[in-house]
């Protein structure tokens, strides 16, 4: 759901869902049974999609910083021994 693919179908299933009866037997879904799950799903989508977006941007920025650091150390084609020499 956090990828925002098909979350509305899952929300509709949550709205239609009914708790099991007293014996624990499952009950048939009832169309538009409760509107309470709507708030949960909307809040989950807002925070969930923001988390995934921030995670994606964080990975990109981390890789960018690693490449930038390598460039500042004398290029991508410098060996570890050459980096030690540059640092010295």
PDB file of N, CA and C in Angstrom:
ATOM      1  N   UNK A   1       0.806  -1.199   0.000  1.00  0.00           N
ATOM      2  CA  UNK A   1       0.000   0.000   0.000  1.00  0.00           C
ATOM      3  C   UNK A   1       0.847   1.260   0.000  1.00  0.00           C
ATOM      4  N   UNK A   2       2.043   1.208   0.609  1.00  0.00           N
ATOM      5  CA  UNK A   2       2.851   2.424   0.694  1.00  0.00           C
ATOM      6  C   UNK A   2       3.390   2.859  -0.656  1.00  0.00           C
ATOM      7  N   UNK A   3       3.320   1.991  -1.635  1.00  0.00           N
ATOM      8  CA  UNK A   3       3.735   2.395  -2.968  1.00  0.00           C
ATOM      9  C   UNK A   3       2.580   3.060  -3.710  1.00  0.00           C
ATOM     10  N   UNK A   4       1.469   3.234  -3.054  1.00  0.00           N
ATOM     11  CA  UNK A   4       0.224   3.841  -3.565  1.00  0.00           C
ATOM     12  C   UNK A   4      -0.365   3.068  -4.744  1.00  0.00           C
ATOM     13  N   UNK A   5      -0.057   1.781  -4.837  1.00  0.00           N
ATOM     14  CA  UNK A   5      -0.631   0.941  -5.889  1.00  0.00           C
ATOM     15  C   UNK A   5      -1.793   0.151  -5.309  1.00  0.00           C
ATOM     16  N   UNK A   6      -2.998   0.400  -5.766  1.00  0.00           N
ATOM     17  CA  UNK A   6      -4.157  -0.386  -5.385  1.00  0.00           C
ATOM     18  C   UNK A   6      -4.586  -0.218  -3.937  1.00  0.00           C
ATOM     19  N   UNK A   7      -4.254   0.882  -3.305  1.00  0.00           N
ATOM     20  CA  UNK A   7      -4.609   1.049  -1.899  1.00  0.00           C
ATOM     21  C   UNK A   7      -6.106   1.278  -1.713  1.00  0.00           C
ATOM     22  N   UNK A   8      -6.766   1.792  -2.728  1.00  0.00           N
ATOM     23  CA  UNK A   8      -8.205   2.047  -2.614  1.00  0.00           C
ATOM     24  C   UNK A   8      -8.970   0.725  -2.518  1.00  0.00           C
ATOM     25  N   UNK A   9      -8.528  -0.297  -3.244  1.00  0.00           N
ATOM     26  CA  UNK A   9      -9.183  -1.606  -3.149  1.00  0.00           C
ATOM     27  C   UNK A   9      -9.025  -2.195  -1.750  1.00  0.00           C
ATOM     28  N   UNK A  10      -7.858  -2.037  -1.166  1.00  0.00           N
ATOM     29  CA  UNK A  10      -7.635  -2.526   0.196  1.00  0.00           C
ATOM     30  C   UNK A  10      -8.495  -1.745   1.179  1.00  0.00           C
ATOM     31  N   UNK A  11      -8.603  -0.433   0.992  1.00  0.00           N
ATOM     32  CA  UNK A  11      -9.442   0.383   1.861  1.00  0.00           C
ATOM     33  C   UNK A  11     -10.903  -0.035   1.751  1.00  0.00           C
ATOM     34  N   UNK A  12     -11.364  -0.272   0.536  1.00  0.00           N
ATOM     35  CA  UNK A  12     -12.753  -0.714   0.362  1.00  0.00           C
ATOM     36  C   UNK A  12     -12.996  -2.052   1.045  1.00  0.00           C
ATOM     37  N   UNK A  13     -12.017  -2.941   1.009  1.00  0.00           N
ATOM     38  CA  UNK A  13     -12.152  -4.207   1.726  1.00  0.00           C
ATOM     39  C   UNK A  13     -12.224  -3.991   3.232  1.00  0.00           C
ATOM     40  N   UNK A  14     -11.481  -3.017   3.743  1.00  0.00           N
ATOM     41  CA  UNK A  14     -11.545  -2.698   5.164  1.00  0.00           C
ATOM     42  C   UNK A  14     -12.867  -2.079   5.559  1.00  0.00           C
ATOM     43  N   UNK A  15     -13.441  -1.284   4.688  1.00  0.00           N
ATOM     44  CA  UNK A  15     -14.733  -0.658   4.958  1.00  0.00           C
ATOM     45  C   UNK A  15     -15.837  -1.716   4.974  1.00  0.00           C
ATOM     46  N   UNK A  16     -15.747  -2.682   4.079  1.00  0.00           N
ATOM     47  CA  UNK A  16     -16.781  -3.707   3.960  1.00  0.00           C
ATOM     48  C   UNK A  16     -16.638  -4.828   4.987  1.00  0.00           C
ATOM     49  N   UNK A  17     -15.521  -4.927   5.661  1.00  0.00           N
ATOM     50  CA  UNK A  17     -15.264  -6.047   6.559  1.00  0.00           C
ATOM     51  C   UNK A  17     -16.149  -6.045   7.796  1.00  0.00           C
ATOM     52  N   UNK A  18     -16.458  -7.258   8.261  1.00  0.00           N
ATOM     53  CA  UNK A  18     -17.268  -7.452   9.470  1.00  0.00           C
ATOM     54  C   UNK A  18     -16.485  -8.373  10.404  1.00  0.00           C
ATOM     55  N   UNK A  19     -16.542  -8.080  11.697  1.00  0.00           N
ATOM     56  CA  UNK A  19     -15.858  -8.914  12.684  1.00  0.00           C
ATOM     57  C   UNK A  19     -16.516 -10.292  12.737  1.00  0.00           C
ATOM     58  N   UNK A  20     -15.770 -11.317  13.152  1.00  0.00           N
ATOM     59  CA  UNK A  20     -16.359 -12.653  13.281  1.00  0.00           C
ATOM     60  C   UNK A  20     -17.469 -12.663  14.337  1.00  0.00           C
ATOM     61  N   UNK A  21     -18.370 -13.637  14.216  1.00  0.00           N
ATOM     62  CA  UNK A  21     -19.448 -13.732  15.205  1.00  0.00           C
ATOM     63  C   UNK A  21     -18.895 -14.259  16.534  1.00  0.00           C
ATOM     64  N   UNK A  22     -19.766 -14.483  17.504  1.00  0.00           N
ATOM     65  CA  UNK A  22     -19.344 -14.883  18.850  1.00  0.00           C
ATOM     66  C   UNK A  22     -18.602 -16.216  18.857  1.00  0.00           C
ATOM     67  N   UNK A  23     -18.913 -17.104  17.929  1.00  0.00           N
ATOM     68  CA  UNK A  23     -18.251 -18.408  17.862  1.00  0.00           C
ATOM     69  C   UNK A  23     -16.932 -18.355  17.097  1.00  0.00           C
ATOM     70  N   UNK A  24     -16.593 -17.212  16.526  1.00  0.00           N
ATOM     71  CA  UNK A  24     -15.355 -17.067  15.769  1.00  0.00           C
ATOM     72  C   UNK A  24     -15.509 -17.404  14.297  1.00  0.00           C
ATOM     73  N   UNK A  25     -16.727 -17.654  13.866  1.00  0.00           N
ATOM     74  CA  UNK A  25     -16.968 -17.958  12.456  1.00  0.00           C
ATOM     75  C   UNK A  25     -16.932 -16.670  11.640  1.00  0.00           C
ATOM     76  N   UNK A  26     -16.274 -16.688  10.490  1.00  0.00           N
ATOM     77  CA  UNK A  26     -16.228 -15.468   9.670  1.00  0.00           C
ATOM     78  C   UNK A  26     -17.595 -15.127   9.103  1.00  0.00           C
ATOM     79  N   UNK A  27     -17.820 -13.842   8.950  1.00  0.00           N
ATOM     80  CA  UNK A  27     -19.092 -13.354   8.403  1.00  0.00           C
ATOM     81  C   UNK A  27     -18.842 -12.811   7.002  1.00  0.00           C
ATOM     82  N   UNK A  28     -19.889 -12.760   6.199  1.00  0.00           N
ATOM     83  CA  UNK A  28     -19.801 -12.209   4.853  1.00  0.00           C
ATOM     84  C   UNK A  28     -19.623 -10.692   4.933  1.00  0.00           C
ATOM     85  N   UNK A  29     -18.823 -10.108   4.051  1.00  0.00           N
ATOM     86  CA  UNK A  29     -18.678  -8.649   4.062  1.00  0.00           C
ATOM     87  C   UNK A  29     -20.000  -7.956   3.745  1.00  0.00           C
ATOM     88  N   UNK A  30     -20.178  -6.789   4.327  1.00  0.00           N
ATOM     89  CA  UNK A  30     -21.374  -5.983   4.097  1.00  0.00           C
ATOM     90  C   UNK A  30     -20.932  -4.681   3.451  1.00  0.00           C
ATOM     91  N   UNK A  31     -21.557  -4.296   2.350  1.00  0.00           N
ATOM     92  CA  UNK A  31     -21.175  -3.110   1.604  1.00  0.00           C
ATOM     93  C   UNK A  31     -21.255  -1.874   2.494  1.00  0.00           C
ATOM     94  N   UNK A  32     -20.158  -1.119   2.555  1.00  0.00           N
ATOM     95  CA  UNK A  32     -20.062   0.119   3.339  1.00  0.00           C
ATOM     96  C   UNK A  32     -20.476  -0.097   4.792  1.00  0.00           C
ATOM     97  N   UNK A  33     -19.895  -1.103   5.436  1.00  0.00           N
ATOM     98  CA  UNK A  33     -20.249  -1.456   6.804  1.00  0.00           C
ATOM     99  C   UNK A  33     -19.849  -0.378   7.806  1.00  0.00           C
ATOM    100  N   UNK A  34     -18.639   0.153   7.696  1.00  0.00           N
ATOM    101  CA  UNK A  34     -18.159   1.146   8.660  1.00  0.00           C
ATOM    102  C   UNK A  34     -17.263   2.151   7.951  1.00  0.00           C
ATOM    103  N   UNK A  35     -17.393   3.420   8.345  1.00  0.00           N
ATOM    104  CA  UNK A  35     -16.565   4.470   7.741  1.00  0.00           C
ATOM    105  C   UNK A  35     -15.309   4.743   8.570  1.00  0.00           C
ATOM    106  N   UNK A  36     -15.160   4.108   9.721  1.00  0.00           N
ATOM    107  CA  UNK A  36     -13.989   4.339  10.572  1.00  0.00           C
ATOM    108  C   UNK A  36     -12.669   3.968   9.904  1.00  0.00           C
ATOM    109  N   UNK A  37     -12.593   2.885   9.147  1.00  0.00           N
ATOM    110  CA  UNK A  37     -11.309   2.547   8.528  1.00  0.00           C
ATOM    111  C   UNK A  37     -10.810   3.578   7.515  1.00  0.00           C
ATOM    112  N   UNK A  38     -11.677   4.428   7.006  1.00  0.00           N
ATOM    113  CA  UNK A  38     -11.262   5.430   6.011  1.00  0.00           C
ATOM    114  C   UNK A  38     -10.192   6.343   6.599  1.00  0.00           C
ATOM    115  N   UNK A  39     -10.411   6.821   7.812  1.00  0.00           N
ATOM    116  CA  UNK A  39      -9.430   7.695   8.456  1.00  0.00           C
ATOM    117  C   UNK A  39      -8.103   7.000   8.652  1.00  0.00           C
ATOM    118  N   UNK A  40      -8.159   5.740   9.088  1.00  0.00           N
ATOM    119  CA  UNK A  40      -6.928   4.974   9.286  1.00  0.00           C
ATOM    120  C   UNK A  40      -6.165   4.844   7.977  1.00  0.00           C
ATOM    121  N   UNK A  41      -6.845   4.464   6.909  1.00  0.00           N
ATOM    122  CA  UNK A  41      -6.168   4.252   5.633  1.00  0.00           C
ATOM    123  C   UNK A  41      -5.607   5.551   5.055  1.00  0.00           C
ATOM    124  N   UNK A  42      -6.321   6.643   5.202  1.00  0.00           N
ATOM    125  CA  UNK A  42      -5.834   7.924   4.682  1.00  0.00           C
ATOM    126  C   UNK A  42      -4.586   8.363   5.449  1.00  0.00           C
ATOM    127  N   UNK A  43      -4.627   8.261   6.778  1.00  0.00           N
ATOM    128  CA  UNK A  43      -3.453   8.629   7.582  1.00  0.00           C
ATOM    129  C   UNK A  43      -2.289   7.700   7.253  1.00  0.00           C
ATOM    130  N   UNK A  44      -2.566   6.405   7.109  1.00  0.00           N
ATOM    131  CA  UNK A  44      -1.516   5.450   6.770  1.00  0.00           C
ATOM    132  C   UNK A  44      -0.893   5.783   5.426  1.00  0.00           C
ATOM    133  N   UNK A  45      -1.701   6.169   4.456  1.00  0.00           N
ATOM    134  CA  UNK A  45      -1.179   6.501   3.126  1.00  0.00           C
ATOM    135  C   UNK A  45      -0.339   7.776   3.174  1.00  0.00           C
ATOM    136  N   UNK A  46      -0.759   8.761   3.944  1.00  0.00           N
ATOM    137  CA  UNK A  46       0.009  10.008   4.016  1.00  0.00           C
ATOM    138  C   UNK A  46       1.373   9.747   4.642  1.00  0.00           C
ATOM    139  N   UNK A  47       1.395   9.102   5.803  1.00  0.00           N
ATOM    140  CA  UNK A  47       2.670   8.849   6.472  1.00  0.00           C
ATOM    141  C   UNK A  47       3.476   7.774   5.765  1.00  0.00           C
ATOM    142  N   UNK A  48       2.812   6.738   5.272  1.00  0.00           N
ATOM    143  CA  UNK A  48       3.509   5.651   4.593  1.00  0.00           C
ATOM    144  C   UNK A  48       4.167   6.088   3.303  1.00  0.00           C
ATOM    145  N   UNK A  49       3.453   6.825   2.494  1.00  0.00           N
ATOM    146  CA  UNK A  49       4.036   7.259   1.225  1.00  0.00           C
ATOM    147  C   UNK A  49       5.149   8.274   1.455  1.00  0.00           C
ATOM    148  N   UNK A  50       5.027   9.110   2.485  1.00  0.00           N
ATOM    149  CA  UNK A  50       6.102  10.049   2.815  1.00  0.00           C
ATOM    150  C   UNK A  50       7.337   9.298   3.275  1.00  0.00           C
ATOM    151  N   UNK A  51       7.151   8.223   4.044  1.00  0.00           N
ATOM    152  CA  UNK A  51       8.279   7.421   4.508  1.00  0.00           C
ATOM    153  C   UNK A  51       9.013   6.796   3.331  1.00  0.00           C
ATOM    154  N   UNK A  52       8.269   6.208   2.406  1.00  0.00           N
ATOM    155  CA  UNK A  52       8.888   5.575   1.241  1.00  0.00           C
ATOM    156  C   UNK A  52       9.591   6.630   0.386  1.00  0.00           C
ATOM    157  N   UNK A  53       8.966   7.784   0.193  1.00  0.00           N
ATOM    158  CA  UNK A  53       9.574   8.852  -0.597  1.00  0.00           C
ATOM    159  C   UNK A  53      10.868   9.329   0.054  1.00  0.00           C
ATOM    160  N   UNK A  54      10.842   9.535   1.364  1.00  0.00           N
ATOM    161  CA  UNK A  54      12.050   9.981   2.069  1.00  0.00           C
ATOM    162  C   UNK A  54      13.136   8.921   2.029  1.00  0.00           C
ATOM    163  N   UNK A  55      12.755   7.656   2.123  1.00  0.00           N
ATOM    164  CA  UNK A  55      13.732   6.582   2.044  1.00  0.00           C
ATOM    165  C   UNK A  55      14.388   6.557   0.666  1.00  0.00           C
ATOM    166  N   UNK A  56      13.601   6.704  -0.379  1.00  0.00           N
ATOM    167  CA  UNK A  56      14.104   6.718  -1.749  1.00  0.00           C
ATOM    168  C   UNK A  56      15.063   7.891  -1.964  1.00  0.00           C
ATOM    169  N   UNK A  57      14.665   9.070  -1.528  1.00  0.00           N
ATOM    170  CA  UNK A  57      15.515  10.251  -1.685  1.00  0.00           C
ATOM    171  C   UNK A  57      16.785  10.103  -0.846  1.00  0.00           C
ATOM    172  N   UNK A  58      16.670   9.519   0.336  1.00  0.00           N
ATOM    173  CA  UNK A  58      17.835   9.316   1.185  1.00  0.00           C
ATOM    174  C   UNK A  58      18.866   8.394   0.551  1.00  0.00           C
ATOM    175  N   UNK A  59      18.415   7.321  -0.097  1.00  0.00           N
ATOM    176  CA  UNK A  59      19.335   6.400  -0.764  1.00  0.00           C
ATOM    177  C   UNK A  59      20.026   7.095  -1.931  1.00  0.00           C
ATOM    178  N   UNK A  60      19.287   7.866  -2.692  1.00  0.00           N
ATOM    179  CA  UNK A  60      19.880   8.591  -3.817  1.00  0.00           C
ATOM    180  C   UNK A  60      20.919   9.595  -3.318  1.00  0.00           C
ATOM    181  N   UNK A  61      20.592  10.338  -2.267  1.00  0.00           N
ATOM    182  CA  UNK A  61      21.531  11.329  -1.736  1.00  0.00           C
ATOM    183  C   UNK A  61      22.777  10.651  -1.163  1.00  0.00           C
ATOM    184  N   UNK A  62      22.611   9.504  -0.514  1.00  0.00           N
ATOM    185  CA  UNK A  62      23.758   8.784   0.035  1.00  0.00           C
ATOM    186  C   UNK A  62      24.699   8.329  -1.081  1.00  0.00           C
ATOM    187  N   UNK A  63      24.139   7.780  -2.158  1.00  0.00           N
ATOM    188  CA  UNK A  63      24.973   7.357  -3.289  1.00  0.00           C
ATOM    189  C   UNK A  63      25.640   8.550  -3.963  1.00  0.00           C
ATOM    190  N   UNK A  64      24.925   9.651  -4.083  1.00  0.00           N
ATOM    191  CA  UNK A  64      25.501  10.853  -4.666  1.00  0.00           C
ATOM    192  C   UNK A  64      26.684  11.339  -3.836  1.00  0.00           C
ATOM    193  N   UNK A  65      26.525  11.337  -2.513  1.00  0.00           N
ATOM    194  CA  UNK A  65      27.617  11.790  -1.640  1.00  0.00           C
ATOM    195  C   UNK A  65      28.819  10.863  -1.718  1.00  0.00           C
ATOM    196  N   UNK A  66      28.598   9.555  -1.858  1.00  0.00           N
ATOM    197  CA  UNK A  66      29.712   8.621  -2.005  1.00  0.00           C
ATOM    198  C   UNK A  66      30.483   8.886  -3.303  1.00  0.00           C
ATOM    199  N   UNK A  67      29.756   9.102  -4.385  1.00  0.00           N
ATOM    200  CA  UNK A  67      30.406   9.383  -5.673  1.00  0.00           C
ATOM    201  C   UNK A  67      31.140  10.723  -5.610  1.00  0.00           C
ATOM    202  N   UNK A  68      30.519  11.709  -4.987  1.00  0.00           N
ATOM    203  CA  UNK A  68      31.155  13.026  -4.850  1.00  0.00           C
ATOM    204  C   UNK A  68      32.431  12.927  -4.023  1.00  0.00           C
ATOM    205  N   UNK A  69      32.397  12.136  -2.966  1.00  0.00           N
ATOM    206  CA  UNK A  69      33.577  11.955  -2.124  1.00  0.00           C
ATOM    207  C   UNK A  69      34.705  11.281  -2.904  1.00  0.00           C
ATOM    208  N   UNK A  70      34.361  10.318  -3.737  1.00  0.00           N
ATOM    209  CA  UNK A  70      35.377   9.652  -4.548  1.00  0.00           C
ATOM    210  C   UNK A  70      35.976  10.624  -5.560  1.00  0.00           C
ATOM    211  N   UNK A  71      35.158  11.476  -6.130  1.00  0.00           N
ATOM    212  CA  UNK A  71      35.648  12.463  -7.091  1.00  0.00           C
ATOM    213  C   UNK A  71      36.599  13.449  -6.420  1.00  0.00           C
ATOM    214  N   UNK A  72      36.285  13.844  -5.205  1.00  0.00           N
ATOM    215  CA  UNK A  72      37.137  14.797  -4.495  1.00  0.00           C
ATOM    216  C   UNK A  72      38.466  14.173  -4.096  1.00  0.00           C
ATOM    217  N   UNK A  73      38.495  12.857  -3.994  1.00  0.00           N
ATOM    218  CA  UNK A  73      39.723  12.153  -3.605  1.00  0.00           C
ATOM    219  C   UNK A  73      40.627  11.885  -4.791  1.00  0.00           C
ATOM    220  N   UNK A  74      40.347  12.401  -5.935  1.00  0.00           N
ATOM    221  CA  UNK A  74      41.239  12.238  -7.071  1.00  0.00           C
ATOM    222  C   UNK A  74      40.633  11.461  -8.215  1.00  0.00           C
ATOM    223  N   UNK A  75      39.379  11.223  -8.179  1.00  0.00           N
ATOM    224  CA  UNK A  75      38.733  10.545  -9.291  1.00  0.00           C
ATOM    225  C   UNK A  75      38.320   9.125  -8.947  1.00  0.00           C
ATOM    226  N   UNK A  76      37.517   8.560  -9.809  1.00  0.00           N
ATOM    227  CA  UNK A  76      37.006   7.214  -9.597  1.00  0.00           C
ATOM    228  C   UNK A  76      38.041   6.140  -9.903  1.00  0.00           C
ATOM    229  N   UNK A  77      39.083   6.478 -10.649  1.00  0.00           N
ATOM    230  CA  UNK A  77      40.048   5.489 -11.102  1.00  0.00           C
ATOM    231  C   UNK A  77      41.294   5.434 -10.227  1.00  0.00           C
ATOM    232  N   UNK A  78      41.244   6.045  -9.055  1.00  0.00           N
ATOM    233  CA  UNK A  78      42.380   6.057  -8.146  1.00  0.00           C
ATOM    234  C   UNK A  78      42.276   4.830  -7.244  1.00  0.00           C
ATOM    235  N   UNK A  79      43.374   4.103  -7.099  1.00  0.00           N
ATOM    236  CA  UNK A  79      43.381   2.919  -6.242  1.00  0.00           C
ATOM    237  C   UNK A  79      43.466   3.337  -4.782  1.00  0.00           C
ATOM    238  N   UNK A  80      43.279   2.357  -3.879  1.00  0.00           N
ATOM    239  CA  UNK A  80      43.346   2.661  -2.448  1.00  0.00           C
ATOM    240  C   UNK A  80      44.734   3.126  -2.043  1.00  0.00           C
ATOM    241  N   UNK A  81      45.780   2.533  -2.620  1.00  0.00           N
ATOM    242  CA  UNK A  81      47.155   2.976  -2.299  1.00  0.00           C
ATOM    243  C   UNK A  81      47.375   4.416  -2.747  1.00  0.00           C
ATOM    244  N   UNK A  82      46.846   4.756  -3.916  1.00  0.00           N
ATOM    245  CA  UNK A  82      46.991   6.137  -4.400  1.00  0.00           C
ATOM    246  C   UNK A  82      46.213   7.097  -3.517  1.00  0.00           C
ATOM    247  N   UNK A  83      45.054   6.686  -3.000  1.00  0.00           N
ATOM    248  CA  UNK A  83      44.292   7.551  -2.091  1.00  0.00           C
ATOM    249  C   UNK A  83      45.086   7.807  -0.815  1.00  0.00           C
ATOM    250  N   UNK A  84      45.733   6.757  -0.299  1.00  0.00           N
ATOM    251  CA  UNK A  84      46.571   6.940   0.888  1.00  0.00           C
ATOM    252  C   UNK A  84      47.687   7.947   0.625  1.00  0.00           C
ATOM    253  N   UNK A  85      48.273   7.892  -0.573  1.00  0.00           N
ATOM    254  CA  UNK A  85      49.332   8.826  -0.939  1.00  0.00           C
ATOM    255  C   UNK A  85      48.785  10.256  -1.026  1.00  0.00           C
ATOM    256  N   UNK A  86      47.581  10.396  -1.589  1.00  0.00           N
ATOM    257  CA  UNK A  86      46.948  11.717  -1.696  1.00  0.00           C
ATOM    258  C   UNK A  86      46.663  12.257  -0.298  1.00  0.00           C
ATOM    259  N   UNK A  87      46.176  11.422   0.605  1.00  0.00           N
ATOM    260  CA  UNK A  87      45.883  11.858   1.968  1.00  0.00           C
ATOM    261  C   UNK A  87      47.138  12.302   2.697  1.00  0.00           C
ATOM    262  N   UNK A  88      48.261  11.602   2.399  1.00  0.00           N
ATOM    263  CA  UNK A  88      49.515  11.938   3.089  1.00  0.00           C
ATOM    264  C   UNK A  88      49.994  13.295   2.593  1.00  0.00           C
TER     265      UNK A  88
END
